[in-house]
Amino acid sequence: MDLTEQKLRQILKRCQDATEGPWTSFVEGRDHDSGSNFIQTSKDDIELFGASVEDQDFIASAKQDIPMLVYELAKLKGWSI
């Protein structure tokens, strides 16, 4: 499957349509002492069930990482996103 400018725009739109960032992963015992693991967003906390700590960190980081990668790729391809 080829990555087209349209597909790149769709990826960015999904990220932009999600709850505003930044998103931060909080893990009990690593980032705080009591409670549960969660992702903090600008609105609400997201609790994941069945996800590993690495999965949670990836999901939280994706909110910031995806736009950066999309814009860099668009720049390299000469696309105006």
C-alpha atoms as a PDB file:
ATOM      1  CA  MET A   1       0.000   0.000   0.000  1.00  0.00           C
ATOM      2  CA  ASP A   2       1.421   3.354  -1.033  1.00  0.00           C
ATOM      3  CA  LEU A   3       1.245   6.356   1.229  1.00  0.00           C
ATOM      4  CA  THR A   4      -0.490   9.129  -0.653  1.00  0.00           C
ATOM      5  CA  GLU A   5      -0.929  12.751   0.317  1.00  0.00           C
ATOM      6  CA  GLN A   6      -4.631  12.020   0.900  1.00  0.00           C
ATOM      7  CA  LYS A   7      -3.856   9.128   3.270  1.00  0.00           C
ATOM      8  CA  LEU A   8      -1.375  11.281   5.158  1.00  0.00           C
ATOM      9  CA  ARG A   9      -4.053  13.969   5.526  1.00  0.00           C
ATOM     10  CA  GLN A  10      -6.469  11.331   6.899  1.00  0.00           C
ATOM     11  CA  ILE A  11      -3.904  10.185   9.469  1.00  0.00           C
ATOM     12  CA  LEU A  12      -3.377  13.769  10.618  1.00  0.00           C
ATOM     13  CA  LYS A  13      -7.144  14.424  10.756  1.00  0.00           C
ATOM     14  CA  ARG A  14      -7.718  11.420  13.033  1.00  0.00           C
ATOM     15  CA  CYS A  15      -5.058  12.732  15.365  1.00  0.00           C
ATOM     16  CA  GLN A  16      -6.441  16.281  15.284  1.00  0.00           C
ATOM     17  CA  ASP A  17     -10.010  15.041  15.884  1.00  0.00           C
ATOM     18  CA  ALA A  18      -8.980  13.179  19.047  1.00  0.00           C
ATOM     19  CA  THR A  19      -9.050  14.974  22.400  1.00  0.00           C
ATOM     20  CA  GLU A  20      -6.646  17.892  22.518  1.00  0.00           C
ATOM     21  CA  GLY A  21      -3.164  17.174  23.811  1.00  0.00           C
ATOM     22  CA  PRO A  22      -0.738  16.839  25.220  1.00  0.00           C
ATOM     23  CA  TRP A  23      -1.432  13.323  26.417  1.00  0.00           C
ATOM     24  CA  THR A  24       0.687  11.993  29.265  1.00  0.00           C
ATOM     25  CA  SER A  25       1.003   8.419  30.469  1.00  0.00           C
ATOM     26  CA  PHE A  26       0.893   7.921  34.247  1.00  0.00           C
ATOM     27  CA  VAL A  27       1.874   4.530  35.646  1.00  0.00           C
ATOM     28  CA  GLU A  28       1.353   3.585  39.278  1.00  0.00           C
ATOM     29  CA  GLY A  29       4.699   3.065  40.987  1.00  0.00           C
ATOM     30  CA  ARG A  30       6.575   4.883  38.233  1.00  0.00           C
ATOM     31  CA  ASP A  31       4.836   8.259  37.989  1.00  0.00           C
ATOM     32  CA  HIS A  32       2.619   8.304  41.075  1.00  0.00           C
ATOM     33  CA  ASP A  33       2.194   6.272  44.251  1.00  0.00           C
ATOM     34  CA  SER A  34      -1.469   5.304  44.350  1.00  0.00           C
ATOM     35  CA  GLY A  35      -4.388   4.819  42.008  1.00  0.00           C
ATOM     36  CA  SER A  36      -4.378   3.205  38.614  1.00  0.00           C
ATOM     37  CA  ASN A  37      -2.512   3.570  35.343  1.00  0.00           C
ATOM     38  CA  PHE A  38      -4.050   6.167  33.032  1.00  0.00           C
ATOM     39  CA  ILE A  39      -3.458   8.598  30.194  1.00  0.00           C
ATOM     40  CA  GLN A  40      -4.109  12.217  31.106  1.00  0.00           C
ATOM     41  CA  THR A  41      -5.531  14.368  28.308  1.00  0.00           C
ATOM     42  CA  SER A  42      -6.622  17.999  28.291  1.00  0.00           C
ATOM     43  CA  LYS A  43     -10.187  16.917  29.162  1.00  0.00           C
ATOM     44  CA  ASP A  44     -10.460  13.528  30.815  1.00  0.00           C
ATOM     45  CA  ASP A  45      -8.308  10.651  31.917  1.00  0.00           C
ATOM     46  CA  ILE A  46      -8.273   7.502  29.810  1.00  0.00           C
ATOM     47  CA  GLU A  47      -7.954   4.176  31.595  1.00  0.00           C
ATOM     48  CA  LEU A  48      -6.915   1.193  29.523  1.00  0.00           C
ATOM     49  CA  PHE A  49      -7.665  -2.382  30.448  1.00  0.00           C
ATOM     50  CA  GLY A  50      -5.492  -5.186  29.157  1.00  0.00           C
ATOM     51  CA  ALA A  51      -2.784  -2.851  27.868  1.00  0.00           C
ATOM     52  CA  SER A  52       0.827  -3.149  28.905  1.00  0.00           C
ATOM     53  CA  VAL A  53       2.708  -0.148  30.277  1.00  0.00           C
ATOM     54  CA  GLU A  54       4.542  -0.002  26.959  1.00  0.00           C
ATOM     55  CA  ASP A  55       1.215   0.034  25.065  1.00  0.00           C
ATOM     56  CA  GLN A  56      -0.057   2.868  27.260  1.00  0.00           C
ATOM     57  CA  ASP A  57       3.138   4.902  26.816  1.00  0.00           C
ATOM     58  CA  PHE A  58       2.924   4.384  23.036  1.00  0.00           C
ATOM     59  CA  ILE A  59      -0.719   5.489  22.830  1.00  0.00           C
ATOM     60  CA  ALA A  60      -0.107   8.583  24.956  1.00  0.00           C
ATOM     61  CA  SER A  61       3.001   9.548  22.974  1.00  0.00           C
ATOM     62  CA  ALA A  62       1.257   9.036  19.630  1.00  0.00           C
ATOM     63  CA  LYS A  63      -0.851  12.171  20.195  1.00  0.00           C
ATOM     64  CA  GLN A  64       2.325  14.255  20.057  1.00  0.00           C
ATOM     65  CA  ASP A  65       4.440  12.033  17.786  1.00  0.00           C
ATOM     66  CA  ILE A  66       2.048  11.536  14.868  1.00  0.00           C
ATOM     67  CA  PRO A  67       1.634  15.209  13.876  1.00  0.00           C
ATOM     68  CA  MET A  68       5.403  15.727  14.077  1.00  0.00           C
ATOM     69  CA  LEU A  69       6.024  12.720  11.827  1.00  0.00           C
ATOM     70  CA  VAL A  70       3.250  13.655   9.388  1.00  0.00           C
ATOM     71  CA  TYR A  71       4.555  17.209   8.936  1.00  0.00           C
ATOM     72  CA  GLU A  72       8.158  16.021   8.540  1.00  0.00           C
ATOM     73  CA  LEU A  73       7.149  13.412   5.954  1.00  0.00           C
ATOM     74  CA  ALA A  74       5.005  15.925   4.070  1.00  0.00           C
ATOM     75  CA  LYS A  75       7.950  18.327   4.015  1.00  0.00           C
ATOM     76  CA  LEU A  76      10.275  15.639   2.646  1.00  0.00           C
ATOM     77  CA  LYS A  77       7.720  14.666  -0.023  1.00  0.00           C
ATOM     78  CA  GLY A  78       7.045  18.295  -0.957  1.00  0.00           C
ATOM     79  CA  TRP A  79       3.368  18.027   0.020  1.00  0.00           C
ATOM     80  CA  SER A  80       1.463  20.873   1.660  1.00  0.00           C
ATOM     81  CA  ILE A  81      -0.424  19.345   4.558  1.00  0.00           C
END
